[in-house]
Protein backbone atom coordinates (compact mmCIF):
# COMPACT_ATOMS: atom_id res chain seq x y z
CA MET A 1 54.61 39.60 -7.35
CA TYR A 2 56.32 36.24 -7.56
CA THR A 3 58.27 36.88 -4.33
CA ASN A 4 55.04 36.95 -2.32
CA ILE A 5 53.68 33.88 -4.11
CA LEU A 6 56.78 31.81 -3.29
CA ALA A 7 56.35 32.62 0.41
CA GLN A 8 52.63 31.80 0.24
CA ILE A 9 53.31 28.43 -1.36
CA LYS A 10 55.91 27.51 1.28
CA ASN A 11 53.55 28.57 4.09
CA ALA A 12 50.63 26.65 2.53
CA GLN A 13 52.77 23.51 2.31
CA ALA A 14 53.75 23.87 5.96
CA ALA A 15 50.05 24.17 6.89
CA LYS A 16 49.04 21.29 4.53
CA LYS A 17 46.62 23.46 2.52
CA ASP A 18 44.88 22.06 -0.57
CA SER A 19 44.96 25.24 -2.64
CA ILE A 20 45.95 28.90 -2.60
CA LYS A 21 44.26 31.79 -4.40
CA VAL A 22 46.32 34.83 -5.44
CA PRO A 23 45.58 37.85 -7.69
CA TYR A 24 46.31 37.35 -11.37
CA SER A 25 49.44 38.70 -13.03
CA GLY A 26 50.97 37.63 -16.33
CA MET A 27 54.45 37.29 -14.89
CA ASP A 28 53.14 35.33 -11.90
CA LEU A 29 51.32 32.96 -14.25
CA SER A 30 54.47 32.28 -16.28
CA VAL A 31 56.54 31.70 -13.10
CA LEU A 32 53.90 29.31 -11.73
CA GLU A 33 53.68 27.44 -15.05
CA LEU A 34 57.46 26.95 -14.90
CA LEU A 35 57.17 25.62 -11.33
CA ALA A 36 54.36 23.27 -12.37
CA LYS A 37 56.36 22.01 -15.34
CA LYS A 38 59.37 21.29 -13.11
CA GLY A 39 57.27 19.54 -10.46
CA PHE A 40 57.45 22.02 -7.57
CA ILE A 41 53.66 22.59 -7.55
CA ALA A 42 50.87 20.26 -8.65
CA SER A 43 48.93 22.70 -10.87
CA VAL A 44 47.98 26.30 -11.52
CA GLU A 45 44.67 27.51 -12.97
CA LYS A 46 43.52 30.91 -14.16
CA LYS A 47 39.96 31.61 -12.96
CA GLY A 48 37.46 34.42 -13.17
CA ARG A 49 37.01 37.36 -15.49
CA MET A 50 39.03 40.50 -15.93
CA PRO A 51 38.40 42.69 -12.87
CA LYS A 52 38.49 39.77 -10.42
CA ARG A 53 40.81 37.30 -12.14
CA ILE A 54 42.70 34.99 -9.79
CA LEU A 55 45.23 32.18 -9.94
CA GLU A 56 44.45 28.98 -8.04
CA ILE A 57 47.61 27.09 -7.05
CA LYS A 58 47.65 23.51 -5.78
CA PRO A 59 50.82 22.67 -3.81
CA LYS A 60 52.49 19.32 -4.39
CA TYR A 61 53.09 16.83 -1.58
CA ASP A 62 54.89 13.48 -1.47
CA GLU A 63 53.35 10.27 -0.06
CA LYS A 64 54.43 11.21 3.49
CA GLY A 65 52.74 14.62 3.27
CA LYS A 66 55.93 16.66 2.94
CA GLY A 67 55.89 19.60 0.53
CA ALA A 68 57.87 19.53 -2.72
CA ILE A 69 59.53 22.90 -1.97
CA SER A 70 62.12 22.81 0.79
CA GLY A 71 63.77 26.19 0.23
CA THR A 72 63.90 29.35 -1.86
CA ARG A 73 66.38 32.17 -2.33
CA LEU A 74 65.50 35.45 -4.04
CA LEU A 75 68.30 36.71 -6.25
CA SER A 76 67.03 39.95 -7.83
CA LYS A 77 65.40 42.61 -5.71
CA PRO A 78 63.97 46.00 -6.65
CA SER A 79 67.08 47.65 -5.20
CA ARG A 80 69.53 45.24 -6.87
CA ARG A 81 68.92 43.47 -10.16
CA LEU A 82 71.20 40.56 -11.03
CA TYR A 83 71.89 39.68 -14.65
CA SER A 84 73.85 36.77 -16.06
CA GLY A 85 74.99 35.59 -19.45
CA TYR A 86 74.35 32.03 -20.52
CA GLN A 87 78.00 31.07 -19.94
CA ASP A 88 77.69 31.83 -16.22
CA LEU A 89 74.55 29.73 -15.59
CA TYR A 90 75.01 26.67 -13.39
CA PRO A 91 72.85 23.85 -11.99
CA ILE A 92 71.22 24.46 -8.59
CA ARG A 93 71.72 21.82 -5.86
CA GLN A 94 73.44 19.39 -8.27
CA GLY A 95 70.49 19.57 -10.68
CA PHE A 96 67.72 19.02 -8.10
CA GLY A 97 66.90 22.74 -7.89
CA LEU A 98 65.81 25.39 -10.33
CA CYS A 99 67.03 28.90 -11.08
CA ALA A 100 64.33 31.01 -12.77
CA ILE A 101 65.58 33.53 -15.34
CA SER A 102 63.66 36.23 -17.17
CA THR A 103 64.97 36.13 -20.75
CA SER A 104 63.91 37.77 -23.98
CA LYS A 105 61.99 34.56 -24.82
CA GLY A 106 60.11 34.51 -21.50
CA ILE A 107 60.73 33.03 -18.07
CA MET A 108 62.64 29.75 -18.10
CA GLY A 109 64.92 27.61 -16.01
CA SER A 110 68.70 27.96 -16.08
CA ILE A 111 69.25 24.69 -17.97
CA GLU A 112 66.83 25.65 -20.77
CA ALA A 113 68.33 29.15 -20.96
CA LYS A 114 71.83 27.71 -21.25
CA ARG A 115 70.72 25.33 -24.02
CA ALA A 116 69.06 28.21 -25.88
CA LYS A 117 72.14 30.43 -25.27
CA LEU A 118 70.05 33.11 -23.57
CA GLY A 119 71.02 35.19 -20.56
CA GLY A 120 68.83 37.48 -18.53
CA GLN A 121 67.73 38.63 -15.11
CA LEU A 122 68.11 36.03 -12.36
CA LEU A 123 64.85 35.90 -10.40
CA PHE A 124 65.10 33.18 -7.73
CA GLU A 125 66.43 29.75 -6.84
CA ILE A 126 64.14 27.01 -5.57
CA TRP A 127 64.90 23.50 -4.32
């Protein structure tokens, strides 16, 4: 689940790890591709065959060795799902953060969802 992966990425950045390996999931892959596109992780690769498929994640660091992710906040939980229309979407941390939304067209950031006039389930905020 993407909640576990976000914690693993933050912990790996704190420990200065080169890569992380997690079990494959389609939703996790789409969340990680969004994070790679927005510059929060360096890359994500799908490896292996069907029974033992994994995702290899490479965290992103700046020139001083600090991780690109400084904080996360989970919005939807299994006990409480949060939904929002496109009118209610807003920039996170004055545009330096990202709010991931699960829409009918896939997982995307809040700015793209607002441009496409799509609402959906709010997943998490990352900055």
